[in-house]
Amino acid sequence: MSVESVSAEGFARESLAVLANITESAREEVAGAAGLIADCVRSDGVIQAFGTGHSQAIVLELAGRAGGLVPTNRLSIADLVLHGGDDPSVLDDPLLERSEGVAERLYRLAGASPQDLFVIISNSGVNNVIVEMALHAKERGHRVLAVTSLTHTRAVPAGHPSGKKLADLADVVLDNRAPRGDALLELPGGGAVCALSTLTGVMLVQMAVAEASKLLLDSGERPPVYVSANVPGGFEGNLELEKRYAGRIRRTAS
């Protein structure tokens, strides 16, 4: 890649090429993901979305946003403090996401039902807490949808003692097509700049939600979808939709 490619135009050109490739080549994996999401909604389940670091941006695309499905929870390491009563100082540990036992506590704090779907997002797919969350979910009978970079995960060793990676444990994998290390534009002399996984991850999960909504509509069911709270009646309508999931999604009281 030339120095001229390290520019706004270069990033737009390269990233749009990957997005175009996804729309053509990811149909089968998106269909599989949509099936999991639609099945979860039909069975009165909740989509439990989890990621760490920058992957939380894609979690936000799934959970509790306008145009998104109502039965969704955003799981986070911060739940140890917000819902588990830990001192905020525990979040100062830069290696917390690699510590054993964290995922088990987060899973228990989620209060998941058997029909819930776990959507686990990690570009590398190898951090301890990510793999442990997938293991806990599978052991308890949940379906697991992974969003990860197969290029990256295949290029690095497993970090969990089981030798497993997120992609190994998922029922369906959405490959975000990000390069090893995530950054897209190579710099002269080594290194790279401008991460890709958020753009492609958002595209994939929104495609899956759109296709899941089509499946629900085709079977005569209306998807339970949030309306923006900033349009007339949106806030009130959302509260009505949330009543169905009272105590099961964290935007409602028990």
C-alpha atoms as a PDB file:
ATOM      1  CA  MET A   1       0.000   0.000   0.000  1.00  0.00           C
ATOM      2  CA  SER A   2       1.388   3.394  -0.966  1.00  0.00           C
ATOM      3  CA  VAL A   3       1.765   6.412   1.316  1.00  0.00           C
ATOM      4  CA  GLU A   4      -0.978   8.079  -0.732  1.00  0.00           C
ATOM      5  CA  SER A   5      -3.407   5.430   0.499  1.00  0.00           C
ATOM      6  CA  VAL A   6      -3.026   6.679   4.079  1.00  0.00           C
ATOM      7  CA  SER A   7      -5.688   9.337   3.785  1.00  0.00           C
ATOM      8  CA  ALA A   8      -9.382   9.917   4.286  1.00  0.00           C
ATOM      9  CA  GLU A   9      -9.993   8.878   0.690  1.00  0.00           C
ATOM     10  CA  GLY A  10      -7.810   5.806   1.100  1.00  0.00           C
ATOM     11  CA  PHE A  11      -9.681   4.614   4.171  1.00  0.00           C
ATOM     12  CA  ALA A  12     -13.063   5.287   2.577  1.00  0.00           C
ATOM     13  CA  ARG A  13     -12.083   3.395  -0.568  1.00  0.00           C
ATOM     14  CA  GLU A  14     -10.615   0.378   1.257  1.00  0.00           C
ATOM     15  CA  SER A  15     -13.340   0.088   3.888  1.00  0.00           C
ATOM     16  CA  LEU A  16     -16.181   0.511   1.385  1.00  0.00           C
ATOM     17  CA  ALA A  17     -14.648  -2.294  -0.681  1.00  0.00           C
ATOM     18  CA  VAL A  18     -14.795  -4.597   2.340  1.00  0.00           C
ATOM     19  CA  LEU A  19     -18.380  -3.559   3.110  1.00  0.00           C
ATOM     20  CA  ALA A  20     -19.373  -4.243  -0.491  1.00  0.00           C
ATOM     21  CA  ASN A  21     -17.756  -7.661  -0.261  1.00  0.00           C
ATOM     22  CA  ILE A  22     -19.709  -8.417   2.922  1.00  0.00           C
ATOM     23  CA  THR A  23     -23.056  -7.613   1.322  1.00  0.00           C
ATOM     24  CA  GLU A  24     -22.300 -10.162  -1.391  1.00  0.00           C
ATOM     25  CA  SER A  25     -20.375 -12.879   0.430  1.00  0.00           C
ATOM     26  CA  ALA A  26     -21.938 -12.952   3.911  1.00  0.00           C
ATOM     27  CA  ARG A  27     -25.461 -13.978   2.933  1.00  0.00           C
ATOM     28  CA  GLU A  28     -25.242 -17.493   4.352  1.00  0.00           C
ATOM     29  CA  GLU A  29     -23.750 -16.444   7.688  1.00  0.00           C
ATOM     30  CA  VAL A  30     -26.200 -13.527   8.003  1.00  0.00           C
ATOM     31  CA  ALA A  31     -29.086 -15.900   7.310  1.00  0.00           C
ATOM     32  CA  GLY A  32     -27.820 -18.197  10.059  1.00  0.00           C
ATOM     33  CA  ALA A  33     -27.507 -15.309  12.504  1.00  0.00           C
ATOM     34  CA  ALA A  34     -30.974 -14.046  11.581  1.00  0.00           C
ATOM     35  CA  GLY A  35     -32.422 -17.468  12.269  1.00  0.00           C
ATOM     36  CA  LEU A  36     -30.939 -17.477  15.772  1.00  0.00           C
ATOM     37  CA  ILE A  37     -32.262 -13.979  16.490  1.00  0.00           C
ATOM     38  CA  ALA A  38     -35.748 -14.703  15.147  1.00  0.00           C
ATOM     39  CA  ASP A  39     -35.949 -17.977  17.101  1.00  0.00           C
ATOM     40  CA  CYS A  40     -34.945 -16.142  20.275  1.00  0.00           C
ATOM     41  CA  VAL A  41     -37.642 -13.485  19.803  1.00  0.00           C
ATOM     42  CA  ARG A  42     -40.296 -16.088  18.932  1.00  0.00           C
ATOM     43  CA  SER A  43     -39.521 -18.089  22.069  1.00  0.00           C
ATOM     44  CA  ASP A  44     -39.844 -14.991  24.277  1.00  0.00           C
ATOM     45  CA  GLY A  45     -36.100 -14.914  24.796  1.00  0.00           C
ATOM     46  CA  VAL A  46     -33.728 -12.018  25.347  1.00  0.00           C
ATOM     47  CA  ILE A  47     -30.639 -11.286  23.260  1.00  0.00           C
ATOM     48  CA  GLN A  48     -27.718 -11.012  25.692  1.00  0.00           C
ATOM     49  CA  ALA A  49     -24.985  -9.022  23.917  1.00  0.00           C
ATOM     50  CA  PHE A  50     -21.460  -8.963  25.338  1.00  0.00           C
ATOM     51  CA  GLY A  51     -18.123  -7.515  24.322  1.00  0.00           C
ATOM     52  CA  THR A  52     -15.124  -5.767  25.829  1.00  0.00           C
ATOM     53  CA  GLY A  53     -13.014  -2.832  24.674  1.00  0.00           C
ATOM     54  CA  HIS A  54     -14.010  -1.386  21.303  1.00  0.00           C
ATOM     55  CA  SER A  55     -16.374  -4.322  20.732  1.00  0.00           C
ATOM     56  CA  GLN A  56     -18.807  -2.635  23.111  1.00  0.00           C
ATOM     57  CA  ALA A  57     -19.627  -0.262  20.242  1.00  0.00           C
ATOM     58  CA  ILE A  58     -21.259  -3.156  18.405  1.00  0.00           C
ATOM     59  CA  VAL A  59     -23.043  -4.262  21.575  1.00  0.00           C
ATOM     60  CA  LEU A  60     -24.602  -0.783  21.630  1.00  0.00           C
ATOM     61  CA  GLU A  61     -25.862  -1.373  18.086  1.00  0.00           C
ATOM     62  CA  LEU A  62     -27.860  -4.347  19.323  1.00  0.00           C
ATOM     63  CA  ALA A  63     -29.109  -3.386  22.757  1.00  0.00           C
ATOM     64  CA  GLY A  64     -31.576  -0.644  23.646  1.00  0.00           C
ATOM     65  CA  ARG A  65     -31.328   1.615  20.630  1.00  0.00           C
ATOM     66  CA  ALA A  66     -33.854   3.207  18.267  1.00  0.00           C
ATOM     67  CA  GLY A  67     -34.636   0.835  15.421  1.00  0.00           C
ATOM     68  CA  GLY A  68     -33.334  -2.115  17.429  1.00  0.00           C
ATOM     69  CA  LEU A  69     -35.086  -5.056  19.024  1.00  0.00           C
ATOM     70  CA  VAL A  70     -36.594  -4.499  22.478  1.00  0.00           C
ATOM     71  CA  PRO A  71     -35.645  -7.846  24.109  1.00  0.00           C
ATOM     72  CA  THR A  72     -31.938  -7.067  24.393  1.00  0.00           C
ATOM     73  CA  ASN A  73     -29.435  -6.626  27.189  1.00  0.00           C
ATOM     74  CA  ARG A  74     -26.034  -4.974  27.069  1.00  0.00           C
ATOM     75  CA  LEU A  75     -23.609  -6.993  29.198  1.00  0.00           C
ATOM     76  CA  SER A  76     -20.347  -5.384  30.285  1.00  0.00           C
ATOM     77  CA  ILE A  77     -17.453  -5.914  32.663  1.00  0.00           C
ATOM     78  CA  ALA A  78     -18.737  -2.767  34.377  1.00  0.00           C
ATOM     79  CA  ASP A  79     -21.685  -4.907  35.519  1.00  0.00           C
ATOM     80  CA  LEU A  80     -19.411  -6.112  38.337  1.00  0.00           C
ATOM     81  CA  VAL A  81     -19.853  -2.622  39.791  1.00  0.00           C
ATOM     82  CA  LEU A  82     -23.244  -1.583  38.409  1.00  0.00           C
ATOM     83  CA  HIS A  83     -25.079  -4.779  39.319  1.00  0.00           C
ATOM     84  CA  GLY A  84     -22.643  -6.828  41.383  1.00  0.00           C
ATOM     85  CA  GLY A  85     -21.743  -4.308  44.079  1.00  0.00           C
ATOM     86  CA  ASP A  86     -17.974  -4.401  43.530  1.00  0.00           C
ATOM     87  CA  ASP A  87     -15.891  -1.351  44.311  1.00  0.00           C
ATOM     88  CA  PRO A  88     -15.303   0.752  41.165  1.00  0.00           C
ATOM     89  CA  SER A  89     -11.553   0.306  41.648  1.00  0.00           C
ATOM     90  CA  VAL A  90     -11.813  -3.258  40.281  1.00  0.00           C
ATOM     91  CA  LEU A  91     -12.246  -1.715  36.830  1.00  0.00           C
ATOM     92  CA  ASP A  92      -8.793  -0.133  37.072  1.00  0.00           C
ATOM     93  CA  ASP A  93      -7.169  -3.519  36.454  1.00  0.00           C
ATOM     94  CA  PRO A  94      -5.994  -3.473  32.804  1.00  0.00           C
ATOM     95  CA  LEU A  95      -5.926  -7.291  32.792  1.00  0.00           C
ATOM     96  CA  LEU A  96      -9.426  -7.782  34.217  1.00  0.00           C
ATOM     97  CA  GLU A  97     -10.784  -9.173  30.957  1.00  0.00           C
ATOM     98  CA  ARG A  98      -8.117 -11.868  31.088  1.00  0.00           C
ATOM     99  CA  SER A  99      -8.915 -12.920  34.662  1.00  0.00           C
ATOM    100  CA  GLU A 100     -10.570 -16.243  35.473  1.00  0.00           C
ATOM    101  CA  GLY A 101     -14.014 -16.208  37.031  1.00  0.00           C
ATOM    102  CA  VAL A 102     -15.111 -12.820  35.683  1.00  0.00           C
ATOM    103  CA  ALA A 103     -17.347 -14.295  32.968  1.00  0.00           C
ATOM    104  CA  GLU A 104     -19.063 -16.620  35.425  1.00  0.00           C
ATOM    105  CA  ARG A 105     -20.028 -13.661  37.617  1.00  0.00           C
ATOM    106  CA  LEU A 106     -21.202 -11.630  34.625  1.00  0.00           C
ATOM    107  CA  TYR A 107     -23.302 -14.552  33.452  1.00  0.00           C
ATOM    108  CA  ARG A 108     -24.965 -14.900  36.854  1.00  0.00           C
ATOM    109  CA  LEU A 109     -25.617 -11.158  37.026  1.00  0.00           C
ATOM    110  CA  ALA A 110     -27.321 -11.304  33.613  1.00  0.00           C
ATOM    111  CA  GLY A 111     -30.064 -13.550  35.008  1.00  0.00           C
ATOM    112  CA  ALA A 112     -30.422 -15.274  31.647  1.00  0.00           C
ATOM    113  CA  SER A 113     -33.316 -17.588  30.765  1.00  0.00           C
ATOM    114  CA  PRO A 114     -32.681 -20.843  28.841  1.00  0.00           C
ATOM    115  CA  GLN A 115     -34.173 -19.472  25.615  1.00  0.00           C
ATOM    116  CA  ASP A 116     -31.909 -16.407  25.599  1.00  0.00           C
ATOM    117  CA  LEU A 117     -29.400 -15.960  22.775  1.00  0.00           C
ATOM    118  CA  PHE A 118     -25.858 -14.848  23.585  1.00  0.00           C
ATOM    119  CA  VAL A 119     -24.241 -12.563  21.011  1.00  0.00           C
ATOM    120  CA  ILE A 120     -20.544 -12.319  21.863  1.00  0.00           C
ATOM    121  CA  ILE A 121     -18.351  -9.819  20.053  1.00  0.00           C
ATOM    122  CA  SER A 122     -14.559  -9.864  19.963  1.00  0.00           C
ATOM    123  CA  ASN A 123     -12.250  -9.042  17.076  1.00  0.00           C
ATOM    124  CA  SER A 124      -9.535 -11.426  18.286  1.00  0.00           C
ATOM    125  CA  GLY A 125     -11.872 -13.946  19.905  1.00  0.00           C
ATOM    126  CA  VAL A 126      -9.192 -15.121  22.326  1.00  0.00           C
ATOM    127  CA  ASN A 127      -9.465 -13.077  25.536  1.00  0.00           C
ATOM    128  CA  ASN A 128     -10.291 -15.129  28.625  1.00  0.00           C
ATOM    129  CA  VAL A 129     -13.537 -13.395  29.555  1.00  0.00           C
ATOM    130  CA  ILE A 130     -14.856 -13.702  25.987  1.00  0.00           C
ATOM    131  CA  VAL A 131     -14.122 -17.417  25.688  1.00  0.00           C
ATOM    132  CA  GLU A 132     -15.369 -18.125  29.211  1.00  0.00           C
ATOM    133  CA  MET A 133     -18.636 -16.325  28.526  1.00  0.00           C
ATOM    134  CA  ALA A 134     -19.152 -18.462  25.423  1.00  0.00           C
ATOM    135  CA  LEU A 135     -18.314 -21.604  27.408  1.00  0.00           C
ATOM    136  CA  HIS A 136     -20.759 -20.717  30.186  1.00  0.00           C
ATOM    137  CA  ALA A 137     -23.488 -19.958  27.675  1.00  0.00           C
ATOM    138  CA  LYS A 138     -22.988 -23.231  25.798  1.00  0.00           C
ATOM    139  CA  GLU A 139     -22.817 -25.284  28.985  1.00  0.00           C
ATOM    140  CA  ARG A 140     -26.187 -23.858  30.005  1.00  0.00           C
ATOM    141  CA  GLY A 141     -27.833 -24.638  26.704  1.00  0.00           C
ATOM    142  CA  HIS A 142     -27.829 -21.197  25.079  1.00  0.00           C
ATOM    143  CA  ARG A 143     -27.216 -20.624  21.413  1.00  0.00           C
ATOM    144  CA  VAL A 144     -24.166 -18.449  20.717  1.00  0.00           C
ATOM    145  CA  LEU A 145     -23.710 -15.991  17.869  1.00  0.00           C
ATOM    146  CA  ALA A 146     -20.135 -14.718  17.478  1.00  0.00           C
ATOM    147  CA  VAL A 147     -18.928 -11.575  15.721  1.00  0.00           C
ATOM    148  CA  THR A 148     -15.180 -11.879  15.212  1.00  0.00           C
ATOM    149  CA  SER A 149     -12.341 -11.625  12.714  1.00  0.00           C
ATOM    150  CA  LEU A 150     -11.491 -15.080  11.426  1.00  0.00           C
ATOM    151  CA  THR A 151      -8.305 -13.683   9.858  1.00  0.00           C
ATOM    152  CA  HIS A 152      -7.115 -12.369  13.218  1.00  0.00           C
ATOM    153  CA  THR A 153      -8.261 -15.271  15.378  1.00  0.00           C
ATOM    154  CA  ARG A 154      -6.590 -17.837  13.112  1.00  0.00           C
ATOM    155  CA  ALA A 155      -3.313 -15.895  13.255  1.00  0.00           C
ATOM    156  CA  VAL A 156      -2.946 -15.790  17.054  1.00  0.00           C
ATOM    157  CA  PRO A 157      -2.742 -18.468  19.759  1.00  0.00           C
ATOM    158  CA  ALA A 158      -5.641 -19.253  22.057  1.00  0.00           C
ATOM    159  CA  GLY A 159      -5.512 -17.389  25.368  1.00  0.00           C
ATOM    160  CA  HIS A 160      -7.880 -19.628  27.327  1.00  0.00           C
ATOM    161  CA  PRO A 161      -6.619 -22.801  29.082  1.00  0.00           C
ATOM    162  CA  SER A 162      -9.174 -24.859  27.131  1.00  0.00           C
ATOM    163  CA  GLY A 163      -7.400 -23.988  23.903  1.00  0.00           C
ATOM    164  CA  LYS A 164     -10.723 -22.767  22.531  1.00  0.00           C
ATOM    165  CA  LYS A 165     -11.440 -19.510  20.740  1.00  0.00           C
ATOM    166  CA  LEU A 166     -14.772 -17.736  20.407  1.00  0.00           C
ATOM    167  CA  ALA A 167     -15.300 -18.984  16.848  1.00  0.00           C
ATOM    168  CA  ASP A 168     -14.866 -22.587  18.024  1.00  0.00           C
ATOM    169  CA  LEU A 169     -17.808 -22.271  20.418  1.00  0.00           C
ATOM    170  CA  ALA A 170     -20.348 -20.386  18.316  1.00  0.00           C
ATOM    171  CA  ASP A 171     -23.386 -21.831  16.584  1.00  0.00           C
ATOM    172  CA  VAL A 172     -22.993 -19.135  13.934  1.00  0.00           C
ATOM    173  CA  VAL A 173     -19.997 -16.878  13.224  1.00  0.00           C
ATOM    174  CA  LEU A 174     -20.255 -13.461  11.603  1.00  0.00           C
ATOM    175  CA  ASP A 175     -16.777 -12.800  10.205  1.00  0.00           C
ATOM    176  CA  ASN A 176     -16.119  -9.051  10.268  1.00  0.00           C
ATOM    177  CA  ARG A 177     -13.363  -9.416   7.642  1.00  0.00           C
ATOM    178  CA  ALA A 178     -10.991  -7.216   9.645  1.00  0.00           C
ATOM    179  CA  PRO A 179      -7.256  -7.841   9.115  1.00  0.00           C
ATOM    180  CA  ARG A 180      -4.943  -9.175  11.801  1.00  0.00           C
ATOM    181  CA  GLY A 181      -4.578  -6.325  14.282  1.00  0.00           C
ATOM    182  CA  ASP A 182      -7.754  -4.655  12.963  1.00  0.00           C
ATOM    183  CA  ALA A 183      -6.105  -1.547  11.454  1.00  0.00           C
ATOM    184  CA  LEU A 184      -6.626  -1.267   7.698  1.00  0.00           C
ATOM    185  CA  LEU A 185      -4.080   1.185   6.274  1.00  0.00           C
ATOM    186  CA  GLU A 186      -0.459   0.085   6.401  1.00  0.00           C
ATOM    187  CA  LEU A 187       2.112   2.695   7.423  1.00  0.00           C
ATOM    188  CA  PRO A 188       5.580   3.036   5.883  1.00  0.00           C
ATOM    189  CA  GLY A 189       8.084   1.135   7.977  1.00  0.00           C
ATOM    190  CA  GLY A 190       5.464  -1.040   9.692  1.00  0.00           C
ATOM    191  CA  GLY A 191       2.279  -0.699  11.680  1.00  0.00           C
ATOM    192  CA  ALA A 192      -1.139   0.357  10.470  1.00  0.00           C
ATOM    193  CA  VAL A 193      -3.838   2.927  11.188  1.00  0.00           C
ATOM    194  CA  CYS A 194      -7.679   3.099  11.103  1.00  0.00           C
ATOM    195  CA  ALA A 195      -9.538   0.138  12.578  1.00  0.00           C
ATOM    196  CA  LEU A 196     -12.133  -1.644  10.468  1.00  0.00           C
ATOM    197  CA  SER A 197     -13.976  -4.046  12.780  1.00  0.00           C
ATOM    198  CA  THR A 198     -16.530  -1.572  14.145  1.00  0.00           C
ATOM    199  CA  LEU A 199     -17.730  -0.566  10.669  1.00  0.00           C
ATOM    200  CA  THR A 200     -18.017  -4.120   9.428  1.00  0.00           C
ATOM    201  CA  GLY A 201     -19.370  -5.466  12.712  1.00  0.00           C
ATOM    202  CA  VAL A 202     -22.163  -2.893  12.700  1.00  0.00           C
ATOM    203  CA  MET A 203     -23.003  -3.766   9.097  1.00  0.00           C
ATOM    204  CA  LEU A 204     -23.203  -7.474   9.885  1.00  0.00           C
ATOM    205  CA  VAL A 205     -25.350  -7.205  13.012  1.00  0.00           C
ATOM    206  CA  GLN A 206     -27.742  -4.732  11.389  1.00  0.00           C
ATOM    207  CA  MET A 207     -28.042  -7.018   8.358  1.00  0.00           C
ATOM    208  CA  ALA A 208     -28.824  -9.891  10.728  1.00  0.00           C
ATOM    209  CA  VAL A 209     -31.454  -7.846  12.592  1.00  0.00           C
ATOM    210  CA  ALA A 210     -33.033  -6.801   9.289  1.00  0.00           C
ATOM    211  CA  GLU A 211     -33.163 -10.389   8.057  1.00  0.00           C
ATOM    212  CA  ALA A 212     -34.518 -11.615  11.415  1.00  0.00           C
ATOM    213  CA  SER A 213     -37.250  -8.973  11.197  1.00  0.00           C
ATOM    214  CA  LYS A 214     -38.131 -10.273   7.720  1.00  0.00           C
ATOM    215  CA  LEU A 215     -38.401 -13.815   9.074  1.00  0.00           C
ATOM    216  CA  LEU A 216     -40.729 -12.649  11.824  1.00  0.00           C
ATOM    217  CA  LEU A 217     -42.866 -10.624   9.404  1.00  0.00           C
ATOM    218  CA  ASP A 218     -43.056 -13.556   6.975  1.00  0.00           C
ATOM    219  CA  SER A 219     -44.510 -15.708   9.773  1.00  0.00           C
ATOM    220  CA  GLY A 220     -47.075 -13.074  10.698  1.00  0.00           C
ATOM    221  CA  GLU A 221     -45.269 -11.665  13.724  1.00  0.00           C
ATOM    222  CA  ARG A 222     -44.418  -8.007  14.232  1.00  0.00           C
ATOM    223  CA  PRO A 223     -40.843  -7.494  15.462  1.00  0.00           C
ATOM    224  CA  PRO A 224     -40.756  -5.707  18.855  1.00  0.00           C
ATOM    225  CA  VAL A 225     -38.718  -2.687  17.804  1.00  0.00           C
ATOM    226  CA  TYR A 226     -37.801   0.533  19.577  1.00  0.00           C
ATOM    227  CA  VAL A 227     -38.932   3.864  18.175  1.00  0.00           C
ATOM    228  CA  SER A 228     -36.750   6.892  18.835  1.00  0.00           C
ATOM    229  CA  ALA A 229     -37.713   8.478  22.147  1.00  0.00           C
ATOM    230  CA  ASN A 230     -37.204  11.825  20.411  1.00  0.00           C
ATOM    231  CA  VAL A 231     -40.276  11.515  18.200  1.00  0.00           C
ATOM    232  CA  PRO A 232     -43.810  12.147  19.504  1.00  0.00           C
ATOM    233  CA  GLY A 233     -45.157   9.081  21.275  1.00  0.00           C
ATOM    234  CA  GLY A 234     -41.883   7.185  20.986  1.00  0.00           C
ATOM    235  CA  PHE A 235     -41.029   7.130  24.673  1.00  0.00           C
ATOM    236  CA  GLU A 236     -44.521   6.043  25.702  1.00  0.00           C
ATOM    237  CA  GLY A 237     -44.706   3.372  23.002  1.00  0.00           C
ATOM    238  CA  ASN A 238     -41.358   1.958  24.043  1.00  0.00           C
ATOM    239  CA  LEU A 239     -42.476   1.671  27.655  1.00  0.00           C
ATOM    240  CA  GLU A 240     -45.486  -0.336  26.501  1.00  0.00           C
ATOM    241  CA  LEU A 241     -43.295  -2.719  24.501  1.00  0.00           C
ATOM    242  CA  GLU A 242     -40.908  -3.166  27.419  1.00  0.00           C
ATOM    243  CA  LYS A 243     -43.705  -4.374  29.717  1.00  0.00           C
ATOM    244  CA  ARG A 244     -43.549  -7.788  28.047  1.00  0.00           C
ATOM    245  CA  TYR A 245     -39.968  -8.188  29.257  1.00  0.00           C
ATOM    246  CA  ALA A 246     -40.282  -6.551  32.682  1.00  0.00           C
ATOM    247  CA  GLY A 247     -37.510  -7.670  35.003  1.00  0.00           C
ATOM    248  CA  ARG A 248     -35.639  -9.413  32.188  1.00  0.00           C
ATOM    249  CA  ILE A 249     -34.163  -6.426  30.391  1.00  0.00           C
ATOM    250  CA  ARG A 250     -32.193  -3.903  32.384  1.00  0.00           C
ATOM    251  CA  ARG A 251     -34.236  -0.946  31.232  1.00  0.00           C
ATOM    252  CA  THR A 252     -37.222  -2.256  33.209  1.00  0.00           C
ATOM    253  CA  ALA A 253     -37.834  -2.864  36.918  1.00  0.00           C
ATOM    254  CA  SER A 254     -38.612  -6.340  38.189  1.00  0.00           C
END
